[in-house]
Amino acid sequence: MEKLHCLTDEQLAALPRTPEVQLEIQQRLYESASEAVEAWNEEANELVSIEDAATELGWSLEEMLEQLLRDGLLLEVDGELVASPHPDIQYMPSEPF
């Protein structure tokens, strides 16, 4: 097995989800989260679409998607964007609740 820590995020995401691969993904996510400065507001606990979040920041949707890719919250697999295994990433239906 290749040394997983030497692979890019995209290469890692393309591998079968073995326990070793899952562990490496989780370690990378933990390291990324540890480096980020978290600003938390207890009132800000609602789901927000990526498009709405981009609008709040004054960014285009494309800028937001690029940032999410850089941060590892989205992964590009076979030309498709997929959510990373980060626990804060959840499917949001297109229809309102």
N, C-alpha and C. Protein backbone atom coordinates (compact mmCIF):
# COMPACT_ATOMS: atom_id res chain seq x y z
N MET A 1 0.86 -1.19 0.00
CA MET A 1 0.00 0.00 0.00
C MET A 1 0.90 1.24 0.00
N GLU A 2 0.52 2.21 -0.80
CA GLU A 2 1.27 3.46 -0.86
C GLU A 2 1.25 4.14 0.49
N LYS A 3 2.23 4.98 0.72
CA LYS A 3 2.22 5.78 1.94
C LYS A 3 1.15 6.85 1.75
N LEU A 4 0.08 6.73 2.50
CA LEU A 4 -1.09 7.58 2.30
C LEU A 4 -0.78 9.05 2.54
N HIS A 5 0.13 9.34 3.46
CA HIS A 5 0.41 10.75 3.76
C HIS A 5 1.10 11.46 2.59
N CYS A 6 1.61 10.72 1.64
CA CYS A 6 2.27 11.32 0.47
C CYS A 6 1.28 11.66 -0.65
N LEU A 7 0.06 11.17 -0.55
CA LEU A 7 -0.93 11.40 -1.60
C LEU A 7 -1.60 12.76 -1.45
N THR A 8 -2.05 13.30 -2.58
CA THR A 8 -2.86 14.53 -2.52
C THR A 8 -4.25 14.17 -2.00
N ASP A 9 -5.01 15.17 -1.62
CA ASP A 9 -6.38 14.93 -1.16
C ASP A 9 -7.20 14.24 -2.25
N GLU A 10 -7.01 14.67 -3.50
CA GLU A 10 -7.77 14.09 -4.60
C GLU A 10 -7.42 12.62 -4.81
N GLN A 11 -6.12 12.30 -4.73
CA GLN A 11 -5.70 10.90 -4.87
C GLN A 11 -6.26 10.06 -3.73
N LEU A 12 -6.22 10.60 -2.53
CA LEU A 12 -6.75 9.89 -1.37
C LEU A 12 -8.25 9.64 -1.51
N ALA A 13 -8.97 10.65 -1.99
CA ALA A 13 -10.43 10.53 -2.14
C ALA A 13 -10.81 9.47 -3.17
N ALA A 14 -9.93 9.21 -4.13
CA ALA A 14 -10.23 8.25 -5.18
C ALA A 14 -10.00 6.80 -4.74
N LEU A 15 -9.35 6.60 -3.61
CA LEU A 15 -9.07 5.25 -3.14
C LEU A 15 -10.31 4.62 -2.50
N PRO A 16 -10.37 3.29 -2.50
CA PRO A 16 -11.47 2.62 -1.77
C PRO A 16 -11.40 3.00 -0.29
N ARG A 17 -12.54 3.07 0.36
CA ARG A 17 -12.64 3.53 1.75
C ARG A 17 -12.26 2.43 2.74
N THR A 18 -10.99 2.07 2.74
CA THR A 18 -10.49 1.11 3.73
C THR A 18 -10.33 1.82 5.06
N PRO A 19 -10.19 1.08 6.15
CA PRO A 19 -9.97 1.74 7.44
C PRO A 19 -8.74 2.66 7.44
N GLU A 20 -7.69 2.25 6.74
CA GLU A 20 -6.48 3.07 6.68
C GLU A 20 -6.73 4.39 5.95
N VAL A 21 -7.48 4.32 4.85
CA VAL A 21 -7.80 5.53 4.08
C VAL A 21 -8.70 6.44 4.91
N GLN A 22 -9.71 5.87 5.55
CA GLN A 22 -10.61 6.67 6.40
C GLN A 22 -9.83 7.36 7.51
N LEU A 23 -8.89 6.66 8.13
CA LEU A 23 -8.09 7.24 9.20
C LEU A 23 -7.26 8.41 8.68
N GLU A 24 -6.65 8.24 7.52
CA GLU A 24 -5.85 9.32 6.94
C GLU A 24 -6.72 10.53 6.63
N ILE A 25 -7.91 10.31 6.09
CA ILE A 25 -8.83 11.42 5.80
C ILE A 25 -9.20 12.13 7.09
N GLN A 26 -9.54 11.38 8.12
CA GLN A 26 -9.91 11.99 9.40
C GLN A 26 -8.75 12.76 10.01
N GLN A 27 -7.53 12.24 9.90
CA GLN A 27 -6.37 12.95 10.43
C GLN A 27 -6.15 14.27 9.69
N ARG A 28 -6.32 14.25 8.38
CA ARG A 28 -6.16 15.49 7.61
C ARG A 28 -7.22 16.51 7.99
N LEU A 29 -8.45 16.04 8.16
CA LEU A 29 -9.52 16.95 8.55
C LEU A 29 -9.26 17.53 9.93
N TYR A 30 -8.78 16.71 10.85
CA TYR A 30 -8.49 17.18 12.20
C TYR A 30 -7.39 18.24 12.17
N GLU A 31 -6.33 17.97 11.41
CA GLU A 31 -5.23 18.93 11.30
C GLU A 31 -5.71 20.24 10.69
N SER A 32 -6.53 20.14 9.66
CA SER A 32 -7.06 21.34 9.01
C SER A 32 -7.92 22.14 9.98
N ALA A 33 -8.77 21.44 10.72
CA ALA A 33 -9.64 22.12 11.68
C ALA A 33 -8.83 22.73 12.82
N SER A 34 -7.75 22.08 13.21
CA SER A 34 -6.92 22.59 14.30
C SER A 34 -6.22 23.88 13.90
N GLU A 35 -5.93 24.03 12.62
CA GLU A 35 -5.24 25.21 12.14
C GLU A 35 -6.18 26.40 11.96
N ALA A 36 -7.44 26.12 11.81
CA ALA A 36 -8.42 27.19 11.56
C ALA A 36 -8.77 27.89 12.87
N VAL A 37 -9.03 29.16 12.76
CA VAL A 37 -9.53 29.91 13.90
C VAL A 37 -11.04 29.85 13.82
N GLU A 38 -11.64 29.32 14.86
CA GLU A 38 -13.09 29.13 14.83
C GLU A 38 -13.78 30.27 15.56
N ALA A 39 -14.66 30.92 14.85
CA ALA A 39 -15.50 31.94 15.47
C ALA A 39 -16.88 31.32 15.63
N TRP A 40 -17.36 31.22 16.82
CA TRP A 40 -18.63 30.53 17.06
C TRP A 40 -19.63 31.49 17.68
N ASN A 41 -20.80 31.48 17.15
CA ASN A 41 -21.91 32.25 17.67
C ASN A 41 -23.02 31.25 17.91
N GLU A 42 -23.44 31.08 19.16
CA GLU A 42 -24.43 30.05 19.48
C GLU A 42 -25.74 30.24 18.74
N GLU A 43 -26.03 31.45 18.30
CA GLU A 43 -27.27 31.68 17.56
C GLU A 43 -27.15 31.25 16.10
N ALA A 44 -25.93 31.07 15.63
CA ALA A 44 -25.70 30.71 14.23
C ALA A 44 -25.64 29.19 14.11
N ASN A 45 -26.79 28.54 14.27
CA ASN A 45 -26.79 27.09 14.23
C ASN A 45 -27.76 26.52 13.20
N GLU A 46 -28.12 27.31 12.20
CA GLU A 46 -29.03 26.83 11.18
C GLU A 46 -28.26 26.39 9.94
N LEU A 47 -28.87 25.52 9.15
CA LEU A 47 -28.25 25.09 7.91
C LEU A 47 -28.29 26.22 6.90
N VAL A 48 -27.22 26.37 6.16
CA VAL A 48 -27.12 27.41 5.14
C VAL A 48 -26.61 26.75 3.87
N SER A 49 -27.21 27.09 2.75
CA SER A 49 -26.73 26.54 1.48
C SER A 49 -25.39 27.18 1.14
N ILE A 50 -24.63 26.53 0.30
CA ILE A 50 -23.35 27.07 -0.14
C ILE A 50 -23.56 28.39 -0.85
N GLU A 51 -24.59 28.46 -1.66
CA GLU A 51 -24.88 29.70 -2.39
C GLU A 51 -25.22 30.84 -1.43
N ASP A 52 -26.04 30.56 -0.41
CA ASP A 52 -26.37 31.60 0.58
C ASP A 52 -25.15 32.03 1.38
N ALA A 53 -24.29 31.08 1.73
CA ALA A 53 -23.07 31.41 2.46
C ALA A 53 -22.17 32.31 1.62
N ALA A 54 -22.06 32.01 0.33
CA ALA A 54 -21.26 32.84 -0.56
C ALA A 54 -21.81 34.25 -0.62
N THR A 55 -23.12 34.36 -0.73
CA THR A 55 -23.77 35.68 -0.78
C THR A 55 -23.49 36.46 0.50
N GLU A 56 -23.59 35.80 1.66
CA GLU A 56 -23.31 36.47 2.93
C GLU A 56 -21.89 37.02 2.98
N LEU A 57 -20.95 36.32 2.36
CA LEU A 57 -19.56 36.75 2.36
C LEU A 57 -19.25 37.74 1.24
N GLY A 58 -20.21 37.96 0.35
CA GLY A 58 -19.96 38.83 -0.78
C GLY A 58 -19.13 38.16 -1.86
N TRP A 59 -19.15 36.84 -1.90
CA TRP A 59 -18.39 36.07 -2.87
C TRP A 59 -19.32 35.53 -3.94
N SER A 60 -18.73 35.20 -5.09
CA SER A 60 -19.50 34.48 -6.10
C SER A 60 -19.56 33.01 -5.68
N LEU A 61 -20.48 32.27 -6.25
CA LEU A 61 -20.58 30.84 -5.95
C LEU A 61 -19.28 30.14 -6.35
N GLU A 62 -18.70 30.55 -7.48
CA GLU A 62 -17.44 29.94 -7.93
C GLU A 62 -16.32 30.17 -6.91
N GLU A 63 -16.22 31.39 -6.37
CA GLU A 63 -15.19 31.68 -5.36
C GLU A 63 -15.39 30.80 -4.12
N MET A 64 -16.65 30.65 -3.72
CA MET A 64 -16.95 29.85 -2.54
C MET A 64 -16.58 28.39 -2.76
N LEU A 65 -16.92 27.84 -3.92
CA LEU A 65 -16.59 26.45 -4.22
C LEU A 65 -15.07 26.24 -4.26
N GLU A 66 -14.35 27.20 -4.83
CA GLU A 66 -12.89 27.10 -4.86
C GLU A 66 -12.32 27.08 -3.45
N GLN A 67 -12.86 27.93 -2.57
CA GLN A 67 -12.39 27.97 -1.18
C GLN A 67 -12.71 26.67 -0.45
N LEU A 68 -13.90 26.14 -0.67
CA LEU A 68 -14.27 24.87 -0.03
C LEU A 68 -13.37 23.73 -0.50
N LEU A 69 -12.98 23.77 -1.77
CA LEU A 69 -12.03 22.77 -2.28
C LEU A 69 -10.67 22.93 -1.62
N ARG A 70 -10.18 24.18 -1.52
CA ARG A 70 -8.89 24.43 -0.89
C ARG A 70 -8.90 23.99 0.58
N ASP A 71 -10.03 24.19 1.26
CA ASP A 71 -10.14 23.84 2.68
C ASP A 71 -10.40 22.36 2.91
N GLY A 72 -10.66 21.61 1.84
CA GLY A 72 -10.90 20.18 1.98
C GLY A 72 -12.32 19.82 2.38
N LEU A 73 -13.23 20.79 2.35
CA LEU A 73 -14.61 20.49 2.70
C LEU A 73 -15.37 19.91 1.51
N LEU A 74 -14.89 20.18 0.31
CA LEU A 74 -15.38 19.53 -0.91
C LEU A 74 -14.18 18.87 -1.55
N LEU A 75 -14.41 17.75 -2.20
CA LEU A 75 -13.37 17.05 -2.93
C LEU A 75 -13.83 16.90 -4.37
N GLU A 76 -12.87 16.93 -5.29
CA GLU A 76 -13.20 16.70 -6.70
C GLU A 76 -12.80 15.27 -7.04
N VAL A 77 -13.79 14.47 -7.41
CA VAL A 77 -13.56 13.06 -7.74
C VAL A 77 -14.16 12.81 -9.11
N ASP A 78 -13.31 12.41 -10.05
CA ASP A 78 -13.75 12.14 -11.42
C ASP A 78 -14.53 13.32 -12.00
N GLY A 79 -14.06 14.53 -11.74
CA GLY A 79 -14.69 15.73 -12.30
C GLY A 79 -15.95 16.18 -11.58
N GLU A 80 -16.33 15.49 -10.53
CA GLU A 80 -17.54 15.85 -9.76
C GLU A 80 -17.13 16.35 -8.38
N LEU A 81 -17.87 17.33 -7.85
CA LEU A 81 -17.64 17.79 -6.49
C LEU A 81 -18.44 16.93 -5.53
N VAL A 82 -17.76 16.42 -4.51
CA VAL A 82 -18.43 15.61 -3.49
C VAL A 82 -18.07 16.16 -2.12
N ALA A 83 -18.99 16.04 -1.19
CA ALA A 83 -18.72 16.49 0.18
C ALA A 83 -17.66 15.60 0.81
N SER A 84 -16.78 16.22 1.56
CA SER A 84 -15.78 15.45 2.28
C SER A 84 -16.46 14.73 3.44
N PRO A 85 -15.75 13.85 4.11
CA PRO A 85 -16.37 13.16 5.24
C PRO A 85 -16.43 14.01 6.51
N HIS A 86 -16.26 15.31 6.39
CA HIS A 86 -16.31 16.21 7.55
C HIS A 86 -17.69 16.12 8.19
N PRO A 87 -17.78 16.00 9.52
CA PRO A 87 -19.08 15.81 10.17
C PRO A 87 -20.03 16.99 10.06
N ASP A 88 -19.53 18.18 9.75
CA ASP A 88 -20.42 19.34 9.62
C ASP A 88 -21.03 19.46 8.23
N ILE A 89 -20.61 18.62 7.30
CA ILE A 89 -21.15 18.66 5.95
C ILE A 89 -22.35 17.73 5.90
N GLN A 90 -23.50 18.27 5.55
CA GLN A 90 -24.73 17.49 5.49
C GLN A 90 -25.46 17.79 4.19
N TYR A 91 -26.19 16.81 3.69
CA TYR A 91 -27.02 17.00 2.51
C TYR A 91 -28.15 17.96 2.86
N MET A 92 -28.39 18.93 1.99
CA MET A 92 -29.47 19.88 2.21
C MET A 92 -30.42 19.77 1.03
N PRO A 93 -31.65 19.32 1.26
CA PRO A 93 -32.59 19.16 0.15
C PRO A 93 -32.88 20.50 -0.51
N SER A 94 -33.22 20.45 -1.80
CA SER A 94 -33.51 21.69 -2.52
C SER A 94 -34.85 22.28 -2.12
N GLU A 95 -35.73 21.44 -1.60
CA GLU A 95 -37.04 21.91 -1.13
C GLU A 95 -36.92 22.38 0.31
N PRO A 96 -37.60 23.47 0.68
CA PRO A 96 -37.56 23.90 2.08
C PRO A 96 -38.19 22.84 2.98
N PHE A 97 -37.79 22.84 4.21
CA PHE A 97 -38.28 21.85 5.18
C PHE A 97 -39.75 21.97 5.38
